[in-house]
């Protein structure tokens, strides 16, 4: 949990990290230091360590994936500003309080903020930006609930896989209802993943993204 929270701190680090640019997104720099620190956390979330990667090709691929995530996050922040999404002080304060509580100690929280280049006020502002970005992402990638006919068709096409995830029952009607519930959840997840990918592609298509060599 703390690793994820620290990752959030590093992702939102702003201009104070703009040393050598790794990329520019509509003119906004993503600094190399910011990328390298996020890359470490990105690997940690996958159970990897930078020192464990011996293959240069794999190292470059994973690092490029981390940079892609940072670019997508920057585009979402910019889209949130364009749409005028406002996150209240109360929402920000509540979220910061949850993060601080997860560290178990105000002193540890303050120390980790300082390590990421923040004071409390700066972190609160970047938290506001991240919450706005997540809100616009959710709005842009929202999908309609599938119809019963669509759920049934998805179930029929994936019946064998879905049955493996069902609870055992001797009642055929119970099994069918369980299968339909699993099918509905899987279909919604699939459509949401496709919608999120479409949002990222659309934002990239309308943006000027420059990646340093």
C-alpha atoms as a PDB file:
ATOM      1  CA  UNK A   1       0.000   0.000   0.000  1.00  0.00           C
ATOM      2  CA  UNK A   2       2.747   2.461   0.906  1.00  0.00           C
ATOM      3  CA  UNK A   3       4.541   1.680  -2.354  1.00  0.00           C
ATOM      4  CA  UNK A   4       1.408   2.564  -4.314  1.00  0.00           C
ATOM      5  CA  UNK A   5       0.974   5.783  -2.369  1.00  0.00           C
ATOM      6  CA  UNK A   6       4.582   6.769  -2.925  1.00  0.00           C
ATOM      7  CA  UNK A   7       4.090   6.030  -6.600  1.00  0.00           C
ATOM      8  CA  UNK A   8       1.210   8.515  -6.563  1.00  0.00           C
ATOM      9  CA  UNK A   9       3.468  11.140  -5.018  1.00  0.00           C
ATOM     10  CA  UNK A  10       6.112  10.586  -7.667  1.00  0.00           C
ATOM     11  CA  UNK A  11       3.684  10.621 -10.576  1.00  0.00           C
ATOM     12  CA  UNK A  12       2.323  13.999  -9.564  1.00  0.00           C
ATOM     13  CA  UNK A  13       5.658  15.681  -9.015  1.00  0.00           C
ATOM     14  CA  UNK A  14       5.633  18.819 -11.113  1.00  0.00           C
ATOM     15  CA  UNK A  15       7.891  21.620 -12.333  1.00  0.00           C
ATOM     16  CA  UNK A  16      10.494  21.182  -9.597  1.00  0.00           C
ATOM     17  CA  UNK A  17      11.403  17.892 -11.277  1.00  0.00           C
ATOM     18  CA  UNK A  18      11.708  19.349 -14.761  1.00  0.00           C
ATOM     19  CA  UNK A  19      15.442  18.778 -15.219  1.00  0.00           C
ATOM     20  CA  UNK A  20      16.294  17.155 -18.544  1.00  0.00           C
ATOM     21  CA  UNK A  21      13.030  16.578 -20.426  1.00  0.00           C
ATOM     22  CA  UNK A  22      12.149  12.962 -21.242  1.00  0.00           C
ATOM     23  CA  UNK A  23       9.102  14.151 -23.155  1.00  0.00           C
ATOM     24  CA  UNK A  24       6.922  17.185 -23.815  1.00  0.00           C
ATOM     25  CA  UNK A  25       3.139  16.961 -23.868  1.00  0.00           C
ATOM     26  CA  UNK A  26       1.559  19.994 -25.526  1.00  0.00           C
ATOM     27  CA  UNK A  27       4.625  21.919 -24.390  1.00  0.00           C
ATOM     28  CA  UNK A  28       4.552  20.624 -20.795  1.00  0.00           C
ATOM     29  CA  UNK A  29       7.780  18.848 -19.851  1.00  0.00           C
ATOM     30  CA  UNK A  30       8.044  15.457 -18.186  1.00  0.00           C
ATOM     31  CA  UNK A  31      11.479  15.569 -16.586  1.00  0.00           C
ATOM     32  CA  UNK A  32      13.934  12.694 -16.777  1.00  0.00           C
ATOM     33  CA  UNK A  33      14.250  12.552 -12.987  1.00  0.00           C
ATOM     34  CA  UNK A  34      10.493  12.258 -12.667  1.00  0.00           C
ATOM     35  CA  UNK A  35      10.474   9.433 -15.222  1.00  0.00           C
ATOM     36  CA  UNK A  36      13.305   7.492 -13.589  1.00  0.00           C
ATOM     37  CA  UNK A  37      11.725   7.632 -10.139  1.00  0.00           C
ATOM     38  CA  UNK A  38       8.322   6.682 -11.515  1.00  0.00           C
ATOM     39  CA  UNK A  39       9.930   3.851 -13.479  1.00  0.00           C
ATOM     40  CA  UNK A  40      11.316   2.401 -10.247  1.00  0.00           C
ATOM     41  CA  UNK A  41       7.852   2.454  -8.664  1.00  0.00           C
ATOM     42  CA  UNK A  42       6.296   1.112 -11.879  1.00  0.00           C
ATOM     43  CA  UNK A  43       8.612  -1.907 -11.698  1.00  0.00           C
ATOM     44  CA  UNK A  44       8.024  -2.320  -7.976  1.00  0.00           C
ATOM     45  CA  UNK A  45       4.269  -2.580  -8.598  1.00  0.00           C
ATOM     46  CA  UNK A  46       5.054  -5.515 -10.914  1.00  0.00           C
ATOM     47  CA  UNK A  47       7.321  -7.188  -8.375  1.00  0.00           C
ATOM     48  CA  UNK A  48      10.444  -6.250 -10.311  1.00  0.00           C
ATOM     49  CA  UNK A  49      13.572  -4.273  -9.460  1.00  0.00           C
ATOM     50  CA  UNK A  50      15.637  -2.184 -11.840  1.00  0.00           C
ATOM     51  CA  UNK A  51      18.781  -4.125 -10.908  1.00  0.00           C
ATOM     52  CA  UNK A  52      17.111  -7.447 -11.783  1.00  0.00           C
ATOM     53  CA  UNK A  53      16.618  -6.557 -15.458  1.00  0.00           C
ATOM     54  CA  UNK A  54      19.585  -7.829 -17.458  1.00  0.00           C
ATOM     55  CA  UNK A  55      18.068  -7.618 -20.937  1.00  0.00           C
ATOM     56  CA  UNK A  56      18.526  -4.130 -22.468  1.00  0.00           C
ATOM     57  CA  UNK A  57      15.569  -4.655 -24.788  1.00  0.00           C
ATOM     58  CA  UNK A  58      13.260  -5.544 -21.898  1.00  0.00           C
ATOM     59  CA  UNK A  59      14.567  -2.607 -19.863  1.00  0.00           C
ATOM     60  CA  UNK A  60      13.794  -0.179 -22.700  1.00  0.00           C
ATOM     61  CA  UNK A  61      10.344  -1.662 -23.291  1.00  0.00           C
ATOM     62  CA  UNK A  62       9.332  -1.375 -19.637  1.00  0.00           C
ATOM     63  CA  UNK A  63      10.760   2.133 -19.350  1.00  0.00           C
ATOM     64  CA  UNK A  64       8.837   3.188 -22.463  1.00  0.00           C
ATOM     65  CA  UNK A  65       5.658   1.774 -20.923  1.00  0.00           C
ATOM     66  CA  UNK A  66       6.233   3.846 -17.783  1.00  0.00           C
ATOM     67  CA  UNK A  67       6.739   6.954 -19.897  1.00  0.00           C
ATOM     68  CA  UNK A  68       3.541   6.200 -21.801  1.00  0.00           C
ATOM     69  CA  UNK A  69       1.648   6.137 -18.506  1.00  0.00           C
ATOM     70  CA  UNK A  70       3.064   9.505 -17.496  1.00  0.00           C
ATOM     71  CA  UNK A  71       2.119  10.979 -20.871  1.00  0.00           C
ATOM     72  CA  UNK A  72      -1.443   9.666 -20.540  1.00  0.00           C
ATOM     73  CA  UNK A  73      -1.704  11.139 -17.046  1.00  0.00           C
ATOM     74  CA  UNK A  74      -0.516  14.529 -18.271  1.00  0.00           C
ATOM     75  CA  UNK A  75      -3.038  14.483 -21.118  1.00  0.00           C
ATOM     76  CA  UNK A  76      -5.842  13.670 -18.687  1.00  0.00           C
ATOM     77  CA  UNK A  77      -4.821  16.542 -16.399  1.00  0.00           C
ATOM     78  CA  UNK A  78      -4.867  18.894 -19.359  1.00  0.00           C
ATOM     79  CA  UNK A  79      -8.273  17.612 -20.510  1.00  0.00           C
ATOM     80  CA  UNK A  80      -9.679  18.110 -17.009  1.00  0.00           C
ATOM     81  CA  UNK A  81      -8.525  21.729 -17.075  1.00  0.00           C
ATOM     82  CA  UNK A  82     -10.076  22.253 -20.510  1.00  0.00           C
ATOM     83  CA  UNK A  83     -13.397  20.935 -19.229  1.00  0.00           C
ATOM     84  CA  UNK A  84     -13.234  23.109 -16.137  1.00  0.00           C
ATOM     85  CA  UNK A  85     -13.553  20.239 -13.686  1.00  0.00           C
ATOM     86  CA  UNK A  86     -13.296  21.534 -10.124  1.00  0.00           C
ATOM     87  CA  UNK A  87     -12.384  19.449  -7.082  1.00  0.00           C
ATOM     88  CA  UNK A  88     -13.411  21.043  -3.810  1.00  0.00           C
ATOM     89  CA  UNK A  89     -11.078  21.774  -0.887  1.00  0.00           C
ATOM     90  CA  UNK A  90     -13.089  19.319   1.210  1.00  0.00           C
ATOM     91  CA  UNK A  91     -12.523  16.495  -1.305  1.00  0.00           C
ATOM     92  CA  UNK A  92      -8.805  17.216  -1.468  1.00  0.00           C
ATOM     93  CA  UNK A  93      -8.442  17.416   2.299  1.00  0.00           C
ATOM     94  CA  UNK A  94     -10.266  14.108   2.777  1.00  0.00           C
ATOM     95  CA  UNK A  95      -8.075  12.341   0.235  1.00  0.00           C
ATOM     96  CA  UNK A  96      -4.819  13.740   1.627  1.00  0.00           C
ATOM     97  CA  UNK A  97      -5.957  12.673   5.092  1.00  0.00           C
ATOM     98  CA  UNK A  98      -6.506   9.102   3.860  1.00  0.00           C
ATOM     99  CA  UNK A  99      -3.032   8.994   2.294  1.00  0.00           C
ATOM    100  CA  UNK A 100      -1.415  10.401   5.454  1.00  0.00           C
ATOM    101  CA  UNK A 101      -3.243   7.872   7.635  1.00  0.00           C
ATOM    102  CA  UNK A 102      -2.029   5.018   5.416  1.00  0.00           C
ATOM    103  CA  UNK A 103       1.581   5.962   6.191  1.00  0.00           C
ATOM    104  CA  UNK A 104       0.809   5.507   9.882  1.00  0.00           C
ATOM    105  CA  UNK A 105       2.628   8.619  11.042  1.00  0.00           C
ATOM    106  CA  UNK A 106       2.449  12.334  10.137  1.00  0.00           C
ATOM    107  CA  UNK A 107       6.246  12.508  10.418  1.00  0.00           C
ATOM    108  CA  UNK A 108       6.730   9.664   7.916  1.00  0.00           C
ATOM    109  CA  UNK A 109       4.196  11.253   5.578  1.00  0.00           C
ATOM    110  CA  UNK A 110       5.955  14.629   5.717  1.00  0.00           C
ATOM    111  CA  UNK A 111       9.314  12.955   5.111  1.00  0.00           C
ATOM    112  CA  UNK A 112       8.029  11.087   2.058  1.00  0.00           C
ATOM    113  CA  UNK A 113       6.499  14.292   0.731  1.00  0.00           C
ATOM    114  CA  UNK A 114       9.862  16.018   1.041  1.00  0.00           C
ATOM    115  CA  UNK A 115      11.596  13.121  -0.721  1.00  0.00           C
ATOM    116  CA  UNK A 116       9.179  13.513  -3.620  1.00  0.00           C
ATOM    117  CA  UNK A 117       9.812  17.272  -3.770  1.00  0.00           C
ATOM    118  CA  UNK A 118       6.605  18.466  -2.114  1.00  0.00           C
ATOM    119  CA  UNK A 119       5.439  20.400   0.856  1.00  0.00           C
ATOM    120  CA  UNK A 120       1.864  19.799   2.069  1.00  0.00           C
ATOM    121  CA  UNK A 121       0.355  22.681   0.095  1.00  0.00           C
ATOM    122  CA  UNK A 122       2.007  21.553  -3.142  1.00  0.00           C
ATOM    123  CA  UNK A 123       0.900  17.979  -2.605  1.00  0.00           C
ATOM    124  CA  UNK A 124      -2.672  19.108  -1.978  1.00  0.00           C
ATOM    125  CA  UNK A 125      -2.677  21.001  -5.268  1.00  0.00           C
ATOM    126  CA  UNK A 126      -1.303  18.055  -7.206  1.00  0.00           C
ATOM    127  CA  UNK A 127      -3.850  15.817  -5.503  1.00  0.00           C
ATOM    128  CA  UNK A 128      -6.551  18.165  -6.773  1.00  0.00           C
ATOM    129  CA  UNK A 129      -5.174  17.768 -10.295  1.00  0.00           C
ATOM    130  CA  UNK A 130      -5.022  13.992 -10.075  1.00  0.00           C
ATOM    131  CA  UNK A 131      -8.587  13.754  -8.788  1.00  0.00           C
ATOM    132  CA  UNK A 132      -9.760  16.001 -11.623  1.00  0.00           C
ATOM    133  CA  UNK A 133      -7.906  13.825 -14.131  1.00  0.00           C
ATOM    134  CA  UNK A 134      -9.483  10.653 -12.734  1.00  0.00           C
ATOM    135  CA  UNK A 135     -12.914  12.273 -12.891  1.00  0.00           C
ATOM    136  CA  UNK A 136     -12.592  13.275 -16.534  1.00  0.00           C
ATOM    137  CA  UNK A 137     -11.197   9.833 -17.344  1.00  0.00           C
ATOM    138  CA  UNK A 138     -14.239   8.182 -15.766  1.00  0.00           C
ATOM    139  CA  UNK A 139     -16.599  10.507 -17.644  1.00  0.00           C
ATOM    140  CA  UNK A 140     -14.942   9.997 -21.021  1.00  0.00           C
ATOM    141  CA  UNK A 141     -14.715   6.216 -20.666  1.00  0.00           C
ATOM    142  CA  UNK A 142     -18.210   5.585 -19.270  1.00  0.00           C
ATOM    143  CA  UNK A 143     -20.112   2.789 -21.024  1.00  0.00           C
ATOM    144  CA  UNK A 144     -23.782   1.887 -21.165  1.00  0.00           C
ATOM    145  CA  UNK A 145     -25.005  -1.189 -19.337  1.00  0.00           C
ATOM    146  CA  UNK A 146     -25.315  -4.151 -21.720  1.00  0.00           C
ATOM    147  CA  UNK A 147     -28.763  -5.435 -22.587  1.00  0.00           C
ATOM    148  CA  UNK A 148     -29.942  -8.851 -21.445  1.00  0.00           C
ATOM    149  CA  UNK A 149     -29.626 -10.098 -25.024  1.00  0.00           C
ATOM    150  CA  UNK A 150     -26.017  -8.910 -25.198  1.00  0.00           C
ATOM    151  CA  UNK A 151     -25.215 -10.584 -21.891  1.00  0.00           C
ATOM    152  CA  UNK A 152     -26.796 -13.845 -23.069  1.00  0.00           C
ATOM    153  CA  UNK A 153     -24.842 -13.735 -26.339  1.00  0.00           C
ATOM    154  CA  UNK A 154     -21.587 -13.097 -24.450  1.00  0.00           C
ATOM    155  CA  UNK A 155     -22.382 -15.968 -22.091  1.00  0.00           C
ATOM    156  CA  UNK A 156     -23.081 -18.324 -24.982  1.00  0.00           C
ATOM    157  CA  UNK A 157     -19.785 -17.385 -26.651  1.00  0.00           C
ATOM    158  CA  UNK A 158     -17.740 -17.775 -23.453  1.00  0.00           C
ATOM    159  CA  UNK A 159     -19.716 -20.404 -21.585  1.00  0.00           C
ATOM    160  CA  UNK A 160     -16.855 -22.834 -20.976  1.00  0.00           C
ATOM    161  CA  UNK A 161     -14.564 -20.152 -19.526  1.00  0.00           C
ATOM    162  CA  UNK A 162     -17.306 -18.635 -17.378  1.00  0.00           C
ATOM    163  CA  UNK A 163     -18.424 -21.994 -16.013  1.00  0.00           C
ATOM    164  CA  UNK A 164     -14.933 -22.531 -14.619  1.00  0.00           C
ATOM    165  CA  UNK A 165     -15.384 -19.476 -12.409  1.00  0.00           C
ATOM    166  CA  UNK A 166     -18.838 -20.446 -11.109  1.00  0.00           C
ATOM    167  CA  UNK A 167     -19.712 -21.885  -7.717  1.00  0.00           C
ATOM    168  CA  UNK A 168     -20.791 -25.505  -7.838  1.00  0.00           C
ATOM    169  CA  UNK A 169     -24.519 -26.168  -7.690  1.00  0.00           C
ATOM    170  CA  UNK A 170     -26.865 -29.006  -8.606  1.00  0.00           C
ATOM    171  CA  UNK A 171     -29.544 -26.540  -9.650  1.00  0.00           C
ATOM    172  CA  UNK A 172     -29.291 -25.726 -13.401  1.00  0.00           C
ATOM    173  CA  UNK A 173     -31.226 -22.478 -13.002  1.00  0.00           C
ATOM    174  CA  UNK A 174     -28.824 -21.299 -10.280  1.00  0.00           C
ATOM    175  CA  UNK A 175     -25.841 -22.140 -12.463  1.00  0.00           C
ATOM    176  CA  UNK A 176     -27.367 -20.248 -15.375  1.00  0.00           C
ATOM    177  CA  UNK A 177     -28.043 -17.159 -13.268  1.00  0.00           C
ATOM    178  CA  UNK A 178     -24.506 -17.263 -11.872  1.00  0.00           C
ATOM    179  CA  UNK A 179     -23.152 -17.580 -15.396  1.00  0.00           C
ATOM    180  CA  UNK A 180     -25.157 -14.607 -16.611  1.00  0.00           C
ATOM    181  CA  UNK A 181     -23.954 -12.500 -13.665  1.00  0.00           C
ATOM    182  CA  UNK A 182     -20.340 -13.386 -14.460  1.00  0.00           C
ATOM    183  CA  UNK A 183     -20.953 -12.714 -18.139  1.00  0.00           C
ATOM    184  CA  UNK A 184     -22.412  -9.290 -17.396  1.00  0.00           C
ATOM    185  CA  UNK A 185     -19.447  -8.313 -15.215  1.00  0.00           C
ATOM    186  CA  UNK A 186     -16.931  -9.605 -17.760  1.00  0.00           C
ATOM    187  CA  UNK A 187     -18.675  -7.828 -20.643  1.00  0.00           C
ATOM    188  CA  UNK A 188     -18.775  -4.531 -18.740  1.00  0.00           C
ATOM    189  CA  UNK A 189     -15.072  -4.877 -17.851  1.00  0.00           C
ATOM    190  CA  UNK A 190     -14.236  -5.602 -21.485  1.00  0.00           C
ATOM    191  CA  UNK A 191     -16.170  -2.581 -22.746  1.00  0.00           C
ATOM    192  CA  UNK A 192     -14.679  -0.297 -20.106  1.00  0.00           C
ATOM    193  CA  UNK A 193     -11.162  -1.410 -21.042  1.00  0.00           C
ATOM    194  CA  UNK A 194     -11.922  -0.710 -24.699  1.00  0.00           C
ATOM    195  CA  UNK A 195     -13.410   2.688 -23.824  1.00  0.00           C
ATOM    196  CA  UNK A 196     -10.366   3.658 -21.734  1.00  0.00           C
ATOM    197  CA  UNK A 197      -8.058   2.653 -24.565  1.00  0.00           C
ATOM    198  CA  UNK A 198     -10.155   4.705 -26.980  1.00  0.00           C
ATOM    199  CA  UNK A 199      -9.951   7.743 -24.694  1.00  0.00           C
ATOM    200  CA  UNK A 200      -6.163   7.520 -24.503  1.00  0.00           C
ATOM    201  CA  UNK A 201      -5.880   7.123 -28.265  1.00  0.00           C
ATOM    202  CA  UNK A 202      -8.192  10.084 -28.877  1.00  0.00           C
ATOM    203  CA  UNK A 203      -6.263  12.353 -26.509  1.00  0.00           C
ATOM    204  CA  UNK A 204      -2.956  11.302 -28.089  1.00  0.00           C
ATOM    205  CA  UNK A 205      -4.304  11.939 -31.604  1.00  0.00           C
ATOM    206  CA  UNK A 206      -5.174  15.556 -30.779  1.00  0.00           C
ATOM    207  CA  UNK A 207      -1.991  16.269 -28.789  1.00  0.00           C
ATOM    208  CA  UNK A 208       1.564  17.232 -29.593  1.00  0.00           C
ATOM    209  CA  UNK A 209       3.779  14.686 -27.879  1.00  0.00           C
ATOM    210  CA  UNK A 210       7.547  14.923 -28.259  1.00  0.00           C
ATOM    211  CA  UNK A 211       9.694  12.145 -26.824  1.00  0.00           C
ATOM    212  CA  UNK A 212      13.390  12.800 -26.316  1.00  0.00           C
ATOM    213  CA  UNK A 213      15.885  10.473 -28.008  1.00  0.00           C
END
